[in-house]
Amino acid sequence: MSPIRHPPFITFEGLDNSGKTTQQKRLAQWLRHRHIDVVATREPGGTPLAEQIRSLLCDPHIQCQPLSELLLLYAARYEHIHTCLKPARLRHAWVLCDRFIDSSLCYQGAGMGVDSGVIDTLRTIIAHEWTPHRTFILDIPAQNVLQREKDGRPTARYEQMGHAFYERVRACFLTLARQEPHRCVVIDGLAEEESIAYTIQQDITKHFLNASPCPSL
């Protein structure tokens, strides 16, 4: 990995219920324990306006065309970049983001059929300076996403799209990882939470902290 000009920008990607949010929080805590300034955020979200957009997009009762959804996501992303990410970079903080540009390509692109050229154009206009330095993809089978419904929890809007939708999204994440092995790290999302956290800590230590692999917590 080549030297970076800015503090690390690290993203967590994967299917719903893959554990990425848990691992983002664990890594943030681990870094703060080492006196590193960390901003932990999410997409869509991270700012008041973006959180309102998130509420709309997460409402299973609101129907939305795929392109409309993508445009709303990029409106939220524009606010997020200028209100959260840029200030964090200016103060030299690490940024850990739960979902980012890869989710748009995989969910709205591969999953919902939005043309990749449209997605690339929006990325170029809005997020061209924000390629993550490291992306951890927590990989789980599509059927594990739908376990929430079996457990009696409310079904999210994406979950209503079914197994084939999540298979397409998962395949897209794995393709991205093969295309960008310098950036993407695929981790078995069905492994023990502690084991996943340790794998991530080792990778961060090796590539960003310039030290020997960290001891297990």
C-alpha atoms as a PDB file:
ATOM      1  CA  MET A   1       0.000   0.000   0.000  1.00  0.00           C
ATOM      2  CA  SER A   2       1.392   3.378  -1.019  1.00  0.00           C
ATOM      3  CA  PRO A   3       1.769   6.190   1.544  1.00  0.00           C
ATOM      4  CA  ILE A   4      -1.407   8.178   2.174  1.00  0.00           C
ATOM      5  CA  ARG A   5      -1.668  11.959   2.231  1.00  0.00           C
ATOM      6  CA  HIS A   6      -4.577  12.124   4.657  1.00  0.00           C
ATOM      7  CA  PRO A   7      -5.545  10.308   7.859  1.00  0.00           C
ATOM      8  CA  PRO A   8      -7.041   6.903   7.025  1.00  0.00           C
ATOM      9  CA  PHE A   9     -10.567   6.793   5.649  1.00  0.00           C
ATOM     10  CA  ILE A  10     -11.887   3.309   6.389  1.00  0.00           C
ATOM     11  CA  THR A  11     -15.234   1.906   5.295  1.00  0.00           C
ATOM     12  CA  PHE A  12     -17.252  -1.133   6.320  1.00  0.00           C
ATOM     13  CA  GLU A  13     -19.383  -2.808   3.687  1.00  0.00           C
ATOM     14  CA  GLY A  14     -21.511  -5.897   3.271  1.00  0.00           C
ATOM     15  CA  LEU A  15     -25.075  -7.138   3.337  1.00  0.00           C
ATOM     16  CA  ASP A  16     -27.550  -6.114   5.998  1.00  0.00           C
ATOM     17  CA  ASN A  17     -27.083  -8.018   9.281  1.00  0.00           C
ATOM     18  CA  SER A  18     -23.458  -8.827   8.372  1.00  0.00           C
ATOM     19  CA  GLY A  19     -22.032  -7.248  11.534  1.00  0.00           C
ATOM     20  CA  LYS A  20     -20.317  -4.296   9.882  1.00  0.00           C
ATOM     21  CA  THR A  21     -21.830  -1.735  12.277  1.00  0.00           C
ATOM     22  CA  THR A  22     -20.633  -3.732  15.276  1.00  0.00           C
ATOM     23  CA  GLN A  23     -17.115  -3.985  13.856  1.00  0.00           C
ATOM     24  CA  GLN A  24     -17.003  -0.283  13.029  1.00  0.00           C
ATOM     25  CA  LYS A  25     -17.856   0.528  16.654  1.00  0.00           C
ATOM     26  CA  ARG A  26     -15.299  -1.943  17.958  1.00  0.00           C
ATOM     27  CA  LEU A  27     -12.522  -0.526  15.790  1.00  0.00           C
ATOM     28  CA  ALA A  28     -13.407   3.039  16.812  1.00  0.00           C
ATOM     29  CA  GLN A  29     -13.168   2.062  20.477  1.00  0.00           C
ATOM     30  CA  TRP A  30      -9.881   0.227  19.902  1.00  0.00           C
ATOM     31  CA  LEU A  31      -8.337   3.237  18.159  1.00  0.00           C
ATOM     32  CA  ARG A  32      -9.559   5.714  20.769  1.00  0.00           C
ATOM     33  CA  HIS A  33      -7.999   3.550  23.444  1.00  0.00           C
ATOM     34  CA  ARG A  34      -4.737   4.253  21.586  1.00  0.00           C
ATOM     35  CA  HIS A  35      -5.394   8.012  21.752  1.00  0.00           C
ATOM     36  CA  ILE A  36      -6.288   8.328  18.071  1.00  0.00           C
ATOM     37  CA  ASP A  37      -8.880  10.915  17.079  1.00  0.00           C
ATOM     38  CA  VAL A  38     -11.693   9.001  15.354  1.00  0.00           C
ATOM     39  CA  VAL A  39     -14.924  10.051  13.672  1.00  0.00           C
ATOM     40  CA  ALA A  40     -17.343   7.123  13.379  1.00  0.00           C
ATOM     41  CA  THR A  41     -20.203   7.843  10.992  1.00  0.00           C
ATOM     42  CA  ARG A  42     -22.588   6.124   8.610  1.00  0.00           C
ATOM     43  CA  GLU A  43     -24.341   6.377   5.262  1.00  0.00           C
ATOM     44  CA  PRO A  44     -26.924   7.383   4.584  1.00  0.00           C
ATOM     45  CA  GLY A  45     -26.644   9.623   7.622  1.00  0.00           C
ATOM     46  CA  GLY A  46     -24.011  11.423   9.626  1.00  0.00           C
ATOM     47  CA  THR A  47     -25.691  14.850   9.400  1.00  0.00           C
ATOM     48  CA  PRO A  48     -29.213  16.027  10.341  1.00  0.00           C
ATOM     49  CA  LEU A  49     -30.372  16.277   6.722  1.00  0.00           C
ATOM     50  CA  ALA A  50     -28.780  12.973   5.737  1.00  0.00           C
ATOM     51  CA  GLU A  51     -30.403  11.244   8.705  1.00  0.00           C
ATOM     52  CA  GLN A  52     -33.797  12.512   7.526  1.00  0.00           C
ATOM     53  CA  ILE A  53     -33.095  11.072   4.092  1.00  0.00           C
ATOM     54  CA  ARG A  54     -32.108   7.805   5.781  1.00  0.00           C
ATOM     55  CA  SER A  55     -35.463   7.690   7.558  1.00  0.00           C
ATOM     56  CA  LEU A  56     -37.254   8.020   4.224  1.00  0.00           C
ATOM     57  CA  LEU A  57     -35.176   5.340   2.555  1.00  0.00           C
ATOM     58  CA  CYS A  58     -35.526   2.910   5.463  1.00  0.00           C
ATOM     59  CA  ASP A  59     -39.307   3.195   5.600  1.00  0.00           C
ATOM     60  CA  PRO A  60     -40.704  -0.067   4.177  1.00  0.00           C
ATOM     61  CA  HIS A  61     -44.017   1.651   3.417  1.00  0.00           C
ATOM     62  CA  ILE A  62     -42.530   4.239   1.035  1.00  0.00           C
ATOM     63  CA  GLN A  63     -42.115   3.111  -2.553  1.00  0.00           C
ATOM     64  CA  CYS A  64     -39.202   4.686  -4.423  1.00  0.00           C
ATOM     65  CA  GLN A  65     -37.875   4.234  -7.937  1.00  0.00           C
ATOM     66  CA  PRO A  66     -34.258   2.981  -8.039  1.00  0.00           C
ATOM     67  CA  LEU A  67     -32.921   6.145  -9.676  1.00  0.00           C
ATOM     68  CA  SER A  68     -34.818   8.338  -7.212  1.00  0.00           C
ATOM     69  CA  GLU A  69     -33.268   6.331  -4.386  1.00  0.00           C
ATOM     70  CA  LEU A  70     -29.782   6.753  -5.830  1.00  0.00           C
ATOM     71  CA  LEU A  71     -30.245  10.516  -6.182  1.00  0.00           C
ATOM     72  CA  LEU A  72     -31.455  10.787  -2.593  1.00  0.00           C
ATOM     73  CA  LEU A  73     -28.451   8.783  -1.424  1.00  0.00           C
ATOM     74  CA  TYR A  74     -26.064  11.069  -3.273  1.00  0.00           C
ATOM     75  CA  ALA A  75     -27.797  14.150  -1.879  1.00  0.00           C
ATOM     76  CA  ALA A  76     -27.216  12.697   1.578  1.00  0.00           C
ATOM     77  CA  ARG A  77     -23.638  11.819   0.627  1.00  0.00           C
ATOM     78  CA  TYR A  78     -22.917  15.371  -0.546  1.00  0.00           C
ATOM     79  CA  GLU A  79     -24.102  16.747   2.792  1.00  0.00           C
ATOM     80  CA  HIS A  80     -22.157  14.074   4.642  1.00  0.00           C
ATOM     81  CA  ILE A  81     -18.916  14.811   2.819  1.00  0.00           C
ATOM     82  CA  HIS A  82     -19.075  18.567   3.294  1.00  0.00           C
ATOM     83  CA  THR A  83     -20.506  18.616   6.824  1.00  0.00           C
ATOM     84  CA  CYS A  84     -18.780  15.622   8.412  1.00  0.00           C
ATOM     85  CA  LEU A  85     -15.970  14.086   6.383  1.00  0.00           C
ATOM     86  CA  LYS A  86     -14.147  17.246   5.296  1.00  0.00           C
ATOM     87  CA  PRO A  87     -14.054  18.755   8.817  1.00  0.00           C
ATOM     88  CA  ALA A  88     -12.738  15.451  10.143  1.00  0.00           C
ATOM     89  CA  ARG A  89      -9.996  15.407   7.513  1.00  0.00           C
ATOM     90  CA  LEU A  90      -9.044  19.010   8.281  1.00  0.00           C
ATOM     91  CA  ARG A  91      -8.470  18.171  11.913  1.00  0.00           C
ATOM     92  CA  HIS A  92      -6.520  15.031  10.909  1.00  0.00           C
ATOM     93  CA  ALA A  93      -8.972  12.576  12.417  1.00  0.00           C
ATOM     94  CA  TRP A  94      -9.410   9.015  11.233  1.00  0.00           C
ATOM     95  CA  VAL A  95     -12.825   8.406   9.645  1.00  0.00           C
ATOM     96  CA  LEU A  96     -14.650   5.091   9.979  1.00  0.00           C
ATOM     97  CA  CYS A  97     -17.777   4.968   7.823  1.00  0.00           C
ATOM     98  CA  ASP A  98     -20.512   2.334   7.928  1.00  0.00           C
ATOM     99  CA  ARG A  99     -21.254   2.084   4.165  1.00  0.00           C
ATOM    100  CA  PHE A 100     -20.082   4.449   1.453  1.00  0.00           C
ATOM    101  CA  ILE A 101     -19.807   4.532  -2.351  1.00  0.00           C
ATOM    102  CA  ASP A 102     -19.488   0.747  -2.770  1.00  0.00           C
ATOM    103  CA  SER A 103     -22.972   0.252  -1.336  1.00  0.00           C
ATOM    104  CA  SER A 104     -24.452   2.485  -4.024  1.00  0.00           C
ATOM    105  CA  LEU A 105     -22.800   0.444  -6.765  1.00  0.00           C
ATOM    106  CA  CYS A 106     -23.862  -2.878  -5.255  1.00  0.00           C
ATOM    107  CA  TYR A 107     -27.347  -2.091  -3.940  1.00  0.00           C
ATOM    108  CA  GLN A 108     -28.709   0.413  -6.432  1.00  0.00           C
ATOM    109  CA  GLY A 109     -26.523  -0.796  -9.300  1.00  0.00           C
ATOM    110  CA  ALA A 110     -26.206  -4.576  -9.200  1.00  0.00           C
ATOM    111  CA  GLY A 111     -29.186  -5.095  -6.937  1.00  0.00           C
ATOM    112  CA  MET A 112     -31.733  -2.698  -8.413  1.00  0.00           C
ATOM    113  CA  GLY A 113     -30.454  -2.245 -11.958  1.00  0.00           C
ATOM    114  CA  VAL A 114     -29.436   1.423 -12.063  1.00  0.00           C
ATOM    115  CA  ASP A 115     -26.969   1.952 -14.915  1.00  0.00           C
ATOM    116  CA  SER A 116     -23.385   1.887 -13.680  1.00  0.00           C
ATOM    117  CA  GLY A 117     -22.559   4.896 -15.860  1.00  0.00           C
ATOM    118  CA  VAL A 118     -25.047   7.005 -13.914  1.00  0.00           C
ATOM    119  CA  ILE A 119     -23.524   5.836 -10.641  1.00  0.00           C
ATOM    120  CA  ASP A 120     -20.005   6.572 -11.879  1.00  0.00           C
ATOM    121  CA  THR A 121     -21.038  10.057 -12.990  1.00  0.00           C
ATOM    122  CA  LEU A 122     -22.529  10.899  -9.587  1.00  0.00           C
ATOM    123  CA  ARG A 123     -19.457   9.532  -7.848  1.00  0.00           C
ATOM    124  CA  THR A 124     -17.179  11.656 -10.041  1.00  0.00           C
ATOM    125  CA  ILE A 125     -19.184  14.816  -9.371  1.00  0.00           C
ATOM    126  CA  ILE A 126     -19.747  14.355  -5.633  1.00  0.00           C
ATOM    127  CA  ALA A 127     -17.213  11.948  -4.155  1.00  0.00           C
ATOM    128  CA  HIS A 128     -14.212  11.826  -6.487  1.00  0.00           C
ATOM    129  CA  GLU A 129     -11.747  12.693  -3.694  1.00  0.00           C
ATOM    130  CA  TRP A 130     -13.158  10.155  -1.286  1.00  0.00           C
ATOM    131  CA  THR A 131     -11.958   6.699  -2.259  1.00  0.00           C
ATOM    132  CA  PRO A 132     -11.442   4.791   1.007  1.00  0.00           C
ATOM    133  CA  HIS A 133      -7.928   3.774   1.975  1.00  0.00           C
ATOM    134  CA  ARG A 134      -9.296   0.484   3.330  1.00  0.00           C
ATOM    135  CA  THR A 135     -12.647  -1.263   2.940  1.00  0.00           C
ATOM    136  CA  PHE A 136     -13.615  -4.225   5.094  1.00  0.00           C
ATOM    137  CA  ILE A 137     -16.322  -6.319   3.427  1.00  0.00           C
ATOM    138  CA  LEU A 138     -18.095  -8.581   5.877  1.00  0.00           C
ATOM    139  CA  ASP A 139     -19.351 -11.423   3.733  1.00  0.00           C
ATOM    140  CA  ILE A 140     -22.398 -13.492   4.668  1.00  0.00           C
ATOM    141  CA  PRO A 141     -24.736 -15.682   2.591  1.00  0.00           C
ATOM    142  CA  ALA A 142     -27.894 -14.014   1.332  1.00  0.00           C
ATOM    143  CA  GLN A 143     -30.141 -16.267   3.396  1.00  0.00           C
ATOM    144  CA  ASN A 144     -28.629 -14.934   6.614  1.00  0.00           C
ATOM    145  CA  VAL A 145     -29.946 -11.465   5.827  1.00  0.00           C
ATOM    146  CA  LEU A 146     -33.494 -12.732   5.826  1.00  0.00           C
ATOM    147  CA  GLN A 147     -33.149 -14.324   9.263  1.00  0.00           C
ATOM    148  CA  ARG A 148     -34.515 -11.106  10.807  1.00  0.00           C
ATOM    149  CA  GLU A 149     -37.974 -11.847   9.464  1.00  0.00           C
ATOM    150  CA  LYS A 150     -37.851 -15.367  10.896  1.00  0.00           C
ATOM    151  CA  ASP A 151     -36.816 -13.916  14.251  1.00  0.00           C
ATOM    152  CA  GLY A 152     -39.961 -11.805  14.335  1.00  0.00           C
ATOM    153  CA  ARG A 153     -38.251  -8.450  13.847  1.00  0.00           C
ATOM    154  CA  PRO A 154     -39.664  -5.809  11.461  1.00  0.00           C
ATOM    155  CA  THR A 155     -38.796  -6.417   7.824  1.00  0.00           C
ATOM    156  CA  ALA A 156     -36.777  -3.603   6.232  1.00  0.00           C
ATOM    157  CA  ARG A 157     -37.572  -2.410   2.712  1.00  0.00           C
ATOM    158  CA  TYR A 158     -34.571  -4.110   1.114  1.00  0.00           C
ATOM    159  CA  GLU A 159     -35.473  -7.377   2.789  1.00  0.00           C
ATOM    160  CA  GLN A 160     -38.772  -7.310   0.929  1.00  0.00           C
ATOM    161  CA  MET A 161     -36.833  -7.683  -2.319  1.00  0.00           C
ATOM    162  CA  GLY A 162     -35.921 -11.240  -1.473  1.00  0.00           C
ATOM    163  CA  HIS A 163     -33.057 -13.681  -1.793  1.00  0.00           C
ATOM    164  CA  ALA A 164     -32.126 -13.048  -5.454  1.00  0.00           C
ATOM    165  CA  PHE A 165     -31.653  -9.338  -4.770  1.00  0.00           C
ATOM    166  CA  TYR A 166     -29.166 -10.031  -1.990  1.00  0.00           C
ATOM    167  CA  GLU A 167     -27.345 -12.598  -4.110  1.00  0.00           C
ATOM    168  CA  ARG A 168     -26.723  -9.914  -6.733  1.00  0.00           C
ATOM    169  CA  VAL A 169     -25.560  -7.427  -4.112  1.00  0.00           C
ATOM    170  CA  ARG A 170     -23.239  -9.954  -2.508  1.00  0.00           C
ATOM    171  CA  ALA A 171     -21.749 -10.931  -5.872  1.00  0.00           C
ATOM    172  CA  CYS A 172     -21.057  -7.261  -6.580  1.00  0.00           C
ATOM    173  CA  PHE A 173     -19.183  -6.775  -3.303  1.00  0.00           C
ATOM    174  CA  LEU A 174     -17.058  -9.847  -3.983  1.00  0.00           C
ATOM    175  CA  THR A 175     -16.323  -8.655  -7.522  1.00  0.00           C
ATOM    176  CA  LEU A 176     -15.195  -5.283  -6.163  1.00  0.00           C
ATOM    177  CA  ALA A 177     -12.865  -7.060  -3.765  1.00  0.00           C
ATOM    178  CA  ARG A 178     -11.277  -9.024  -6.615  1.00  0.00           C
ATOM    179  CA  GLN A 179     -10.898  -5.861  -8.705  1.00  0.00           C
ATOM    180  CA  GLU A 180      -9.383  -3.781  -5.885  1.00  0.00           C
ATOM    181  CA  PRO A 181      -7.408  -6.164  -3.643  1.00  0.00           C
ATOM    182  CA  HIS A 182      -5.160  -3.295  -2.517  1.00  0.00           C
ATOM    183  CA  ARG A 183      -8.160  -1.630  -0.879  1.00  0.00           C
ATOM    184  CA  CYS A 184     -10.746  -4.296  -0.082  1.00  0.00           C
ATOM    185  CA  VAL A 185     -10.454  -7.004   2.566  1.00  0.00           C
ATOM    186  CA  VAL A 186     -13.119  -9.723   2.586  1.00  0.00           C
ATOM    187  CA  ILE A 187     -13.853 -11.177   6.023  1.00  0.00           C
ATOM    188  CA  ASP A 188     -16.128 -14.097   6.867  1.00  0.00           C
ATOM    189  CA  GLY A 189     -19.066 -12.371   8.543  1.00  0.00           C
ATOM    190  CA  LEU A 190     -20.161 -15.653  10.135  1.00  0.00           C
ATOM    191  CA  ALA A 191     -16.960 -15.904  12.178  1.00  0.00           C
ATOM    192  CA  GLU A 192     -16.927 -15.049  15.884  1.00  0.00           C
ATOM    193  CA  GLU A 193     -17.195 -11.340  16.613  1.00  0.00           C
ATOM    194  CA  GLU A 194     -13.913 -11.339  18.555  1.00  0.00           C
ATOM    195  CA  SER A 195     -12.109 -13.104  15.732  1.00  0.00           C
ATOM    196  CA  ILE A 196     -13.353 -10.604  13.164  1.00  0.00           C
ATOM    197  CA  ALA A 197     -12.323  -7.686  15.372  1.00  0.00           C
ATOM    198  CA  TYR A 198      -8.844  -9.142  15.810  1.00  0.00           C
ATOM    199  CA  THR A 199      -8.437  -9.651  12.051  1.00  0.00           C
ATOM    200  CA  ILE A 200      -9.363  -6.020  11.435  1.00  0.00           C
ATOM    201  CA  GLN A 201      -7.031  -4.779  14.193  1.00  0.00           C
ATOM    202  CA  GLN A 202      -4.133  -6.742  12.722  1.00  0.00           C
ATOM    203  CA  ASP A 203      -4.760  -5.294   9.277  1.00  0.00           C
ATOM    204  CA  ILE A 204      -5.001  -1.729  10.606  1.00  0.00           C
ATOM    205  CA  THR A 205      -1.835  -2.181  12.632  1.00  0.00           C
ATOM    206  CA  LYS A 206       0.096  -3.544   9.662  1.00  0.00           C
ATOM    207  CA  HIS A 207      -0.965  -0.895   7.156  1.00  0.00           C
ATOM    208  CA  PHE A 208      -1.574   2.238   9.208  1.00  0.00           C
ATOM    209  CA  LEU A 209       0.099   2.024  12.606  1.00  0.00           C
ATOM    210  CA  ASN A 210       3.505   0.711  11.455  1.00  0.00           C
ATOM    211  CA  ALA A 211       3.872  -1.744  14.299  1.00  0.00           C
ATOM    212  CA  SER A 212       3.923  -5.488  14.818  1.00  0.00           C
ATOM    213  CA  PRO A 213       0.565  -7.266  14.819  1.00  0.00           C
ATOM    214  CA  CYS A 214      -1.473  -6.233  17.826  1.00  0.00           C
ATOM    215  CA  PRO A 215      -2.186  -8.672  20.646  1.00  0.00           C
ATOM    216  CA  SER A 216      -5.658 -10.098  20.949  1.00  0.00           C
ATOM    217  CA  LEU A 217      -7.979  -8.134  23.236  1.00  0.00           C
END
